[in-house]
């Protein structure tokens, strides 16, 4: 039986388990347990994310780029797995009975080079999503950017409903692709000695073998992220580390 953190050759098959459809609720419970055991790390990550979010929005607004706030918020789904790497490592250390502190969490991304490679892939996807979102914005409004203070009113008008629907579908396609490729990839790369392509294949296999459970998990992630954004990022301070810790336990359940 393979133990946690045991290196595995890339050419060796990685068994993917079939789980019960309600298993994501167990992951959340385990994630909450990890949060309560390491509040100094989890809440520091959450507070840092909230502060960076406010600074980013303020910077965009000051630069008259307020129309980028929505695409950047949507792009959060794409890069969140990379941001959470330190929290995955915190749960890994707790499972191994090792000491946990903020310094070890912040430097955990340095472990395998493959993590950095996967991070570059996520960033490139995020940049692609931003460009596509801007292109759709320009095409729909015929290259004329509405006044920044009027953008919210433009979006709620019935005539602009196609803009929201199609934009949501495009963003959803990006998010689903990233979810399938990364749902267990980064915890797997952190935990085992395999390459990025193998990790992505295992992640996609896990989603395909457990469609109902993973659909529930994806829905919960979207719900928590929406709550975090709707509370002007305050909710992310608690919900982001919760989902990150739970993701580690999702990986341990899904990959034998």
C-alpha atoms as a PDB file:
ATOM      1  CA  UNK A   1       0.000   0.000   0.000  1.00  0.00           C
ATOM      2  CA  UNK A   2       1.329   3.436  -0.962  1.00  0.00           C
ATOM      3  CA  UNK A   3       1.961   5.783   1.930  1.00  0.00           C
ATOM      4  CA  UNK A   4       1.668   9.544   1.951  1.00  0.00           C
ATOM      5  CA  UNK A   5       4.614  11.318   0.321  1.00  0.00           C
ATOM      6  CA  UNK A   6       6.142   8.147  -1.126  1.00  0.00           C
ATOM      7  CA  UNK A   7       7.707   8.880  -4.546  1.00  0.00           C
ATOM      8  CA  UNK A   8       6.061   6.992  -7.375  1.00  0.00           C
ATOM      9  CA  UNK A   9       7.538   6.552 -10.845  1.00  0.00           C
ATOM     10  CA  UNK A  10       5.676   8.452 -13.547  1.00  0.00           C
ATOM     11  CA  UNK A  11       5.169   5.291 -15.601  1.00  0.00           C
ATOM     12  CA  UNK A  12       3.446   3.436 -12.768  1.00  0.00           C
ATOM     13  CA  UNK A  13      -0.380   3.521 -12.909  1.00  0.00           C
ATOM     14  CA  UNK A  14      -2.065   5.643 -10.261  1.00  0.00           C
ATOM     15  CA  UNK A  15      -5.304   3.940  -9.138  1.00  0.00           C
ATOM     16  CA  UNK A  16      -8.323   6.232  -8.995  1.00  0.00           C
ATOM     17  CA  UNK A  17     -10.988   5.250  -6.499  1.00  0.00           C
ATOM     18  CA  UNK A  18     -14.735   5.369  -6.977  1.00  0.00           C
ATOM     19  CA  UNK A  19     -16.289   7.228  -4.050  1.00  0.00           C
ATOM     20  CA  UNK A  20     -19.760   7.851  -2.682  1.00  0.00           C
ATOM     21  CA  UNK A  21     -21.633  10.774  -4.219  1.00  0.00           C
ATOM     22  CA  UNK A  22     -21.942  12.630  -0.903  1.00  0.00           C
ATOM     23  CA  UNK A  23     -18.245  12.358  -0.061  1.00  0.00           C
ATOM     24  CA  UNK A  24     -17.543  16.113  -0.557  1.00  0.00           C
ATOM     25  CA  UNK A  25     -19.367  16.838   2.694  1.00  0.00           C
ATOM     26  CA  UNK A  26     -16.836  14.646   4.481  1.00  0.00           C
ATOM     27  CA  UNK A  27     -14.009  16.573   2.820  1.00  0.00           C
ATOM     28  CA  UNK A  28     -15.428  19.817   4.162  1.00  0.00           C
ATOM     29  CA  UNK A  29     -15.662  18.351   7.650  1.00  0.00           C
ATOM     30  CA  UNK A  30     -12.033  17.248   7.469  1.00  0.00           C
ATOM     31  CA  UNK A  31     -11.037  20.611   6.062  1.00  0.00           C
ATOM     32  CA  UNK A  32     -12.740  22.381   8.963  1.00  0.00           C
ATOM     33  CA  UNK A  33     -10.880  20.135  11.373  1.00  0.00           C
ATOM     34  CA  UNK A  34      -7.569  21.099   9.782  1.00  0.00           C
ATOM     35  CA  UNK A  35      -8.513  24.785   9.998  1.00  0.00           C
ATOM     36  CA  UNK A  36      -9.250  24.563  13.688  1.00  0.00           C
ATOM     37  CA  UNK A  37      -5.943  22.774  14.269  1.00  0.00           C
ATOM     38  CA  UNK A  38      -3.911  25.400  12.396  1.00  0.00           C
ATOM     39  CA  UNK A  39      -5.823  28.695  12.657  1.00  0.00           C
ATOM     40  CA  UNK A  40      -2.620  30.743  12.500  1.00  0.00           C
ATOM     41  CA  UNK A  41      -1.836  29.418   9.027  1.00  0.00           C
ATOM     42  CA  UNK A  42      -5.356  29.143   7.609  1.00  0.00           C
ATOM     43  CA  UNK A  43      -6.572  32.561   8.740  1.00  0.00           C
ATOM     44  CA  UNK A  44      -3.303  34.207   7.683  1.00  0.00           C
ATOM     45  CA  UNK A  45      -3.820  32.840   4.181  1.00  0.00           C
ATOM     46  CA  UNK A  46      -7.428  33.985   4.201  1.00  0.00           C
ATOM     47  CA  UNK A  47      -6.573  37.465   5.461  1.00  0.00           C
ATOM     48  CA  UNK A  48      -3.793  37.784   2.886  1.00  0.00           C
ATOM     49  CA  UNK A  49      -6.183  36.852   0.088  1.00  0.00           C
ATOM     50  CA  UNK A  50      -8.726  39.449   1.236  1.00  0.00           C
ATOM     51  CA  UNK A  51      -6.105  42.191   1.431  1.00  0.00           C
ATOM     52  CA  UNK A  52      -4.668  41.376  -2.000  1.00  0.00           C
ATOM     53  CA  UNK A  53      -8.179  41.331  -3.482  1.00  0.00           C
ATOM     54  CA  UNK A  54      -8.932  44.801  -2.149  1.00  0.00           C
ATOM     55  CA  UNK A  55      -5.596  46.143  -3.361  1.00  0.00           C
ATOM     56  CA  UNK A  56      -6.181  44.660  -6.813  1.00  0.00           C
ATOM     57  CA  UNK A  57      -9.664  46.168  -7.127  1.00  0.00           C
ATOM     58  CA  UNK A  58      -8.434  49.524  -5.862  1.00  0.00           C
ATOM     59  CA  UNK A  59      -5.543  49.488  -8.316  1.00  0.00           C
ATOM     60  CA  UNK A  60      -7.800  48.659 -11.255  1.00  0.00           C
ATOM     61  CA  UNK A  61     -10.248  51.367 -10.274  1.00  0.00           C
ATOM     62  CA  UNK A  62      -7.542  53.981  -9.871  1.00  0.00           C
ATOM     63  CA  UNK A  63      -6.182  53.072 -13.305  1.00  0.00           C
ATOM     64  CA  UNK A  64      -9.646  53.445 -14.878  1.00  0.00           C
ATOM     65  CA  UNK A  65      -9.700  49.711 -15.553  1.00  0.00           C
ATOM     66  CA  UNK A  66     -12.739  48.950 -13.455  1.00  0.00           C
ATOM     67  CA  UNK A  67     -14.215  46.864 -16.252  1.00  0.00           C
ATOM     68  CA  UNK A  68     -11.480  44.307 -15.532  1.00  0.00           C
ATOM     69  CA  UNK A  69     -12.814  43.569 -12.047  1.00  0.00           C
ATOM     70  CA  UNK A  70     -15.361  41.001 -13.255  1.00  0.00           C
ATOM     71  CA  UNK A  71     -12.924  39.104 -15.524  1.00  0.00           C
ATOM     72  CA  UNK A  72     -10.332  39.089 -12.749  1.00  0.00           C
ATOM     73  CA  UNK A  73     -12.906  37.799 -10.272  1.00  0.00           C
ATOM     74  CA  UNK A  74     -13.852  35.058 -12.737  1.00  0.00           C
ATOM     75  CA  UNK A  75     -10.187  34.287 -13.226  1.00  0.00           C
ATOM     76  CA  UNK A  76      -9.886  33.598  -9.505  1.00  0.00           C
ATOM     77  CA  UNK A  77     -11.382  30.152 -10.166  1.00  0.00           C
ATOM     78  CA  UNK A  78      -8.482  29.447 -12.503  1.00  0.00           C
ATOM     79  CA  UNK A  79      -5.544  30.345 -10.276  1.00  0.00           C
ATOM     80  CA  UNK A  80      -7.023  29.467  -6.862  1.00  0.00           C
ATOM     81  CA  UNK A  81      -5.486  25.939  -6.864  1.00  0.00           C
ATOM     82  CA  UNK A  82      -2.033  27.474  -7.187  1.00  0.00           C
ATOM     83  CA  UNK A  83      -2.639  29.986  -4.400  1.00  0.00           C
ATOM     84  CA  UNK A  84      -3.771  27.172  -2.096  1.00  0.00           C
ATOM     85  CA  UNK A  85      -0.616  25.074  -2.392  1.00  0.00           C
ATOM     86  CA  UNK A  86       0.596  26.080   1.073  1.00  0.00           C
ATOM     87  CA  UNK A  87      -2.686  24.986   2.627  1.00  0.00           C
ATOM     88  CA  UNK A  88      -2.482  21.615   0.877  1.00  0.00           C
ATOM     89  CA  UNK A  89       0.949  21.194   2.385  1.00  0.00           C
ATOM     90  CA  UNK A  90      -0.369  22.170   5.809  1.00  0.00           C
ATOM     91  CA  UNK A  91      -2.968  19.382   5.662  1.00  0.00           C
ATOM     92  CA  UNK A  92      -0.289  17.000   4.404  1.00  0.00           C
ATOM     93  CA  UNK A  93       1.943  17.842   7.365  1.00  0.00           C
ATOM     94  CA  UNK A  94      -0.943  17.397   9.796  1.00  0.00           C
ATOM     95  CA  UNK A  95      -1.635  13.965   8.342  1.00  0.00           C
ATOM     96  CA  UNK A  96       2.020  13.009   8.771  1.00  0.00           C
ATOM     97  CA  UNK A  97       2.138  14.397  12.312  1.00  0.00           C
ATOM     98  CA  UNK A  98       4.746  17.002  11.376  1.00  0.00           C
ATOM     99  CA  UNK A  99       5.026  20.505  12.795  1.00  0.00           C
ATOM    100  CA  UNK A 100       3.074  23.227  10.991  1.00  0.00           C
ATOM    101  CA  UNK A 101       3.822  26.938  10.764  1.00  0.00           C
ATOM    102  CA  UNK A 102       3.250  29.814   8.365  1.00  0.00           C
ATOM    103  CA  UNK A 103       6.834  29.772   7.091  1.00  0.00           C
ATOM    104  CA  UNK A 104       6.611  26.140   5.961  1.00  0.00           C
ATOM    105  CA  UNK A 105       3.279  26.833   4.251  1.00  0.00           C
ATOM    106  CA  UNK A 106       4.583  29.868   2.366  1.00  0.00           C
ATOM    107  CA  UNK A 107       7.606  27.980   1.035  1.00  0.00           C
ATOM    108  CA  UNK A 108       5.884  24.692   0.211  1.00  0.00           C
ATOM    109  CA  UNK A 109       5.565  25.607  -3.465  1.00  0.00           C
ATOM    110  CA  UNK A 110       9.316  25.177  -3.807  1.00  0.00           C
ATOM    111  CA  UNK A 111       9.149  21.409  -3.278  1.00  0.00           C
ATOM    112  CA  UNK A 112       8.928  19.873  -6.760  1.00  0.00           C
ATOM    113  CA  UNK A 113       9.745  21.875  -9.870  1.00  0.00           C
ATOM    114  CA  UNK A 114       6.607  20.371 -11.409  1.00  0.00           C
ATOM    115  CA  UNK A 115       4.436  22.577  -9.187  1.00  0.00           C
ATOM    116  CA  UNK A 116       5.967  25.691 -10.710  1.00  0.00           C
ATOM    117  CA  UNK A 117       5.366  24.258 -14.183  1.00  0.00           C
ATOM    118  CA  UNK A 118       1.715  23.606 -13.414  1.00  0.00           C
ATOM    119  CA  UNK A 119       1.459  27.113 -11.957  1.00  0.00           C
ATOM    120  CA  UNK A 120       2.678  28.566 -15.247  1.00  0.00           C
ATOM    121  CA  UNK A 121      -0.018  26.594 -17.068  1.00  0.00           C
ATOM    122  CA  UNK A 122      -2.707  28.019 -14.758  1.00  0.00           C
ATOM    123  CA  UNK A 123      -1.406  31.563 -15.183  1.00  0.00           C
ATOM    124  CA  UNK A 124      -1.398  31.213 -18.970  1.00  0.00           C
ATOM    125  CA  UNK A 125      -4.993  29.978 -18.858  1.00  0.00           C
ATOM    126  CA  UNK A 126      -5.882  32.942 -16.651  1.00  0.00           C
ATOM    127  CA  UNK A 127      -4.307  35.376 -19.111  1.00  0.00           C
ATOM    128  CA  UNK A 128      -6.155  33.662 -21.971  1.00  0.00           C
ATOM    129  CA  UNK A 129      -9.465  33.968 -20.099  1.00  0.00           C
ATOM    130  CA  UNK A 130      -8.846  37.669 -19.442  1.00  0.00           C
ATOM    131  CA  UNK A 131      -8.114  38.319 -23.118  1.00  0.00           C
ATOM    132  CA  UNK A 132     -11.203  36.367 -24.233  1.00  0.00           C
ATOM    133  CA  UNK A 133     -13.362  38.234 -21.708  1.00  0.00           C
ATOM    134  CA  UNK A 134     -12.061  41.598 -22.926  1.00  0.00           C
ATOM    135  CA  UNK A 135     -12.623  40.582 -26.550  1.00  0.00           C
ATOM    136  CA  UNK A 136     -16.211  39.564 -25.826  1.00  0.00           C
ATOM    137  CA  UNK A 137     -16.748  42.841 -23.950  1.00  0.00           C
ATOM    138  CA  UNK A 138     -15.388  44.866 -26.883  1.00  0.00           C
ATOM    139  CA  UNK A 139     -17.386  42.916 -29.477  1.00  0.00           C
ATOM    140  CA  UNK A 140     -20.658  43.186 -27.598  1.00  0.00           C
ATOM    141  CA  UNK A 141     -20.349  46.895 -26.887  1.00  0.00           C
ATOM    142  CA  UNK A 142     -18.840  47.539 -30.344  1.00  0.00           C
ATOM    143  CA  UNK A 143     -15.555  48.758 -28.932  1.00  0.00           C
ATOM    144  CA  UNK A 144     -17.243  51.482 -26.858  1.00  0.00           C
ATOM    145  CA  UNK A 145     -16.572  51.018 -23.156  1.00  0.00           C
ATOM    146  CA  UNK A 146     -19.533  52.152 -21.039  1.00  0.00           C
ATOM    147  CA  UNK A 147     -18.750  54.678 -18.276  1.00  0.00           C
ATOM    148  CA  UNK A 148     -17.292  52.794 -15.325  1.00  0.00           C
ATOM    149  CA  UNK A 149     -19.964  54.005 -12.934  1.00  0.00           C
ATOM    150  CA  UNK A 150     -22.649  52.813 -15.381  1.00  0.00           C
ATOM    151  CA  UNK A 151     -21.300  49.306 -15.988  1.00  0.00           C
ATOM    152  CA  UNK A 152     -23.428  47.660 -13.223  1.00  0.00           C
ATOM    153  CA  UNK A 153     -26.574  49.208 -14.726  1.00  0.00           C
ATOM    154  CA  UNK A 154     -25.601  48.069 -18.219  1.00  0.00           C
ATOM    155  CA  UNK A 155     -25.286  44.497 -16.993  1.00  0.00           C
ATOM    156  CA  UNK A 156     -28.726  44.318 -15.370  1.00  0.00           C
ATOM    157  CA  UNK A 157     -30.584  45.684 -18.396  1.00  0.00           C
ATOM    158  CA  UNK A 158     -32.665  43.068 -20.227  1.00  0.00           C
ATOM    159  CA  UNK A 159     -31.078  43.934 -23.576  1.00  0.00           C
ATOM    160  CA  UNK A 160     -27.668  42.983 -22.207  1.00  0.00           C
ATOM    161  CA  UNK A 161     -28.762  39.574 -20.926  1.00  0.00           C
ATOM    162  CA  UNK A 162     -27.013  37.804 -23.859  1.00  0.00           C
ATOM    163  CA  UNK A 163     -23.752  39.440 -22.781  1.00  0.00           C
ATOM    164  CA  UNK A 164     -24.052  37.936 -19.307  1.00  0.00           C
ATOM    165  CA  UNK A 165     -25.256  34.528 -20.495  1.00  0.00           C
ATOM    166  CA  UNK A 166     -22.582  34.036 -23.166  1.00  0.00           C
ATOM    167  CA  UNK A 167     -19.864  35.500 -20.939  1.00  0.00           C
ATOM    168  CA  UNK A 168     -20.868  33.111 -18.158  1.00  0.00           C
ATOM    169  CA  UNK A 169     -20.814  30.143 -20.545  1.00  0.00           C
ATOM    170  CA  UNK A 170     -17.343  31.066 -21.790  1.00  0.00           C
ATOM    171  CA  UNK A 171     -16.044  31.505 -18.260  1.00  0.00           C
ATOM    172  CA  UNK A 172     -17.717  28.270 -17.223  1.00  0.00           C
ATOM    173  CA  UNK A 173     -15.946  26.369 -19.995  1.00  0.00           C
ATOM    174  CA  UNK A 174     -12.599  27.689 -18.767  1.00  0.00           C
ATOM    175  CA  UNK A 175     -13.466  26.893 -15.143  1.00  0.00           C
ATOM    176  CA  UNK A 176     -14.667  23.343 -15.869  1.00  0.00           C
ATOM    177  CA  UNK A 177     -11.521  22.570 -17.836  1.00  0.00           C
ATOM    178  CA  UNK A 178      -9.281  23.874 -15.069  1.00  0.00           C
ATOM    179  CA  UNK A 179     -11.318  22.055 -12.408  1.00  0.00           C
ATOM    180  CA  UNK A 180     -10.995  18.716 -14.186  1.00  0.00           C
ATOM    181  CA  UNK A 181      -7.272  19.185 -14.777  1.00  0.00           C
ATOM    182  CA  UNK A 182      -6.372  20.502 -11.311  1.00  0.00           C
ATOM    183  CA  UNK A 183      -8.853  19.090  -8.783  1.00  0.00           C
ATOM    184  CA  UNK A 184      -6.208  16.682  -7.467  1.00  0.00           C
ATOM    185  CA  UNK A 185      -3.188  17.601  -9.623  1.00  0.00           C
ATOM    186  CA  UNK A 186      -1.467  20.058  -7.296  1.00  0.00           C
ATOM    187  CA  UNK A 187      -1.916  17.980  -4.119  1.00  0.00           C
ATOM    188  CA  UNK A 188      -0.654  14.995  -6.141  1.00  0.00           C
ATOM    189  CA  UNK A 189       2.418  16.899  -7.375  1.00  0.00           C
ATOM    190  CA  UNK A 190       3.081  18.076  -3.836  1.00  0.00           C
ATOM    191  CA  UNK A 191       2.774  14.577  -2.416  1.00  0.00           C
ATOM    192  CA  UNK A 192       4.339  12.315  -5.034  1.00  0.00           C
ATOM    193  CA  UNK A 193       7.203  12.308  -7.495  1.00  0.00           C
ATOM    194  CA  UNK A 194       5.376  12.394 -10.843  1.00  0.00           C
ATOM    195  CA  UNK A 195       5.226  14.731 -13.824  1.00  0.00           C
ATOM    196  CA  UNK A 196       2.600  17.365 -14.666  1.00  0.00           C
ATOM    197  CA  UNK A 197       1.024  15.459 -17.563  1.00  0.00           C
ATOM    198  CA  UNK A 198       0.523  12.334 -15.447  1.00  0.00           C
ATOM    199  CA  UNK A 199      -1.008  14.404 -12.642  1.00  0.00           C
ATOM    200  CA  UNK A 200      -3.461  16.051 -15.053  1.00  0.00           C
ATOM    201  CA  UNK A 201      -4.454  12.678 -16.523  1.00  0.00           C
ATOM    202  CA  UNK A 202      -5.101  11.276 -13.045  1.00  0.00           C
ATOM    203  CA  UNK A 203      -7.140  14.348 -12.134  1.00  0.00           C
ATOM    204  CA  UNK A 204      -9.330  14.056 -15.235  1.00  0.00           C
ATOM    205  CA  UNK A 205      -9.768  10.321 -14.606  1.00  0.00           C
ATOM    206  CA  UNK A 206     -10.914  11.057 -11.060  1.00  0.00           C
ATOM    207  CA  UNK A 207     -13.568  13.448 -12.378  1.00  0.00           C
ATOM    208  CA  UNK A 208     -14.751  11.057 -15.093  1.00  0.00           C
ATOM    209  CA  UNK A 209     -14.996   8.107 -12.705  1.00  0.00           C
ATOM    210  CA  UNK A 210     -16.946  10.112 -10.088  1.00  0.00           C
ATOM    211  CA  UNK A 211     -19.078  12.561 -12.078  1.00  0.00           C
ATOM    212  CA  UNK A 212     -21.816  13.067  -9.476  1.00  0.00           C
ATOM    213  CA  UNK A 213     -19.480  13.512  -6.519  1.00  0.00           C
ATOM    214  CA  UNK A 214     -17.216  15.844  -8.474  1.00  0.00           C
ATOM    215  CA  UNK A 215     -20.184  17.827  -9.793  1.00  0.00           C
ATOM    216  CA  UNK A 216     -21.260  18.338  -6.175  1.00  0.00           C
ATOM    217  CA  UNK A 217     -17.732  19.354  -5.214  1.00  0.00           C
ATOM    218  CA  UNK A 218     -17.485  21.794  -8.128  1.00  0.00           C
ATOM    219  CA  UNK A 219     -20.866  23.254  -7.207  1.00  0.00           C
ATOM    220  CA  UNK A 220     -19.811  23.748  -3.596  1.00  0.00           C
ATOM    221  CA  UNK A 221     -16.613  25.479  -4.695  1.00  0.00           C
ATOM    222  CA  UNK A 222     -18.580  27.816  -6.981  1.00  0.00           C
ATOM    223  CA  UNK A 223     -21.084  28.524  -4.198  1.00  0.00           C
ATOM    224  CA  UNK A 224     -18.401  29.301  -1.613  1.00  0.00           C
ATOM    225  CA  UNK A 225     -16.500  31.492  -4.053  1.00  0.00           C
ATOM    226  CA  UNK A 226     -19.680  33.351  -4.988  1.00  0.00           C
ATOM    227  CA  UNK A 227     -20.433  33.955  -1.307  1.00  0.00           C
ATOM    228  CA  UNK A 228     -16.883  35.199  -0.814  1.00  0.00           C
ATOM    229  CA  UNK A 229     -17.151  37.631  -3.716  1.00  0.00           C
ATOM    230  CA  UNK A 230     -20.677  38.739  -2.753  1.00  0.00           C
ATOM    231  CA  UNK A 231     -19.445  39.667   0.734  1.00  0.00           C
ATOM    232  CA  UNK A 232     -16.825  41.943  -0.840  1.00  0.00           C
ATOM    233  CA  UNK A 233     -14.102  39.310  -0.361  1.00  0.00           C
ATOM    234  CA  UNK A 234     -14.583  39.058   3.421  1.00  0.00           C
ATOM    235  CA  UNK A 235     -16.102  35.593   3.140  1.00  0.00           C
ATOM    236  CA  UNK A 236     -13.098  34.372   1.169  1.00  0.00           C
ATOM    237  CA  UNK A 237     -10.993  34.838   4.285  1.00  0.00           C
ATOM    238  CA  UNK A 238     -12.746  31.838   5.838  1.00  0.00           C
ATOM    239  CA  UNK A 239     -14.110  29.869   2.887  1.00  0.00           C
ATOM    240  CA  UNK A 240     -10.939  29.786   0.781  1.00  0.00           C
ATOM    241  CA  UNK A 241      -8.782  27.992   3.378  1.00  0.00           C
ATOM    242  CA  UNK A 242     -11.704  25.669   4.172  1.00  0.00           C
ATOM    243  CA  UNK A 243     -11.974  24.551   0.534  1.00  0.00           C
ATOM    244  CA  UNK A 244      -8.186  24.309   0.211  1.00  0.00           C
ATOM    245  CA  UNK A 245      -7.840  22.001   3.217  1.00  0.00           C
ATOM    246  CA  UNK A 246     -10.814  19.958   2.015  1.00  0.00           C
ATOM    247  CA  UNK A 247      -9.178  19.590  -1.406  1.00  0.00           C
ATOM    248  CA  UNK A 248      -6.268  17.745   0.191  1.00  0.00           C
ATOM    249  CA  UNK A 249      -8.680  15.199   1.656  1.00  0.00           C
ATOM    250  CA  UNK A 250     -10.454  14.952  -1.710  1.00  0.00           C
ATOM    251  CA  UNK A 251      -7.122  13.970  -3.242  1.00  0.00           C
ATOM    252  CA  UNK A 252      -6.418  11.387  -0.520  1.00  0.00           C
ATOM    253  CA  UNK A 253      -9.877   9.873  -1.101  1.00  0.00           C
ATOM    254  CA  UNK A 254      -9.702   9.833  -4.889  1.00  0.00           C
ATOM    255  CA  UNK A 255      -6.142   8.643  -5.523  1.00  0.00           C
ATOM    256  CA  UNK A 256      -5.158   5.333  -3.961  1.00  0.00           C
END
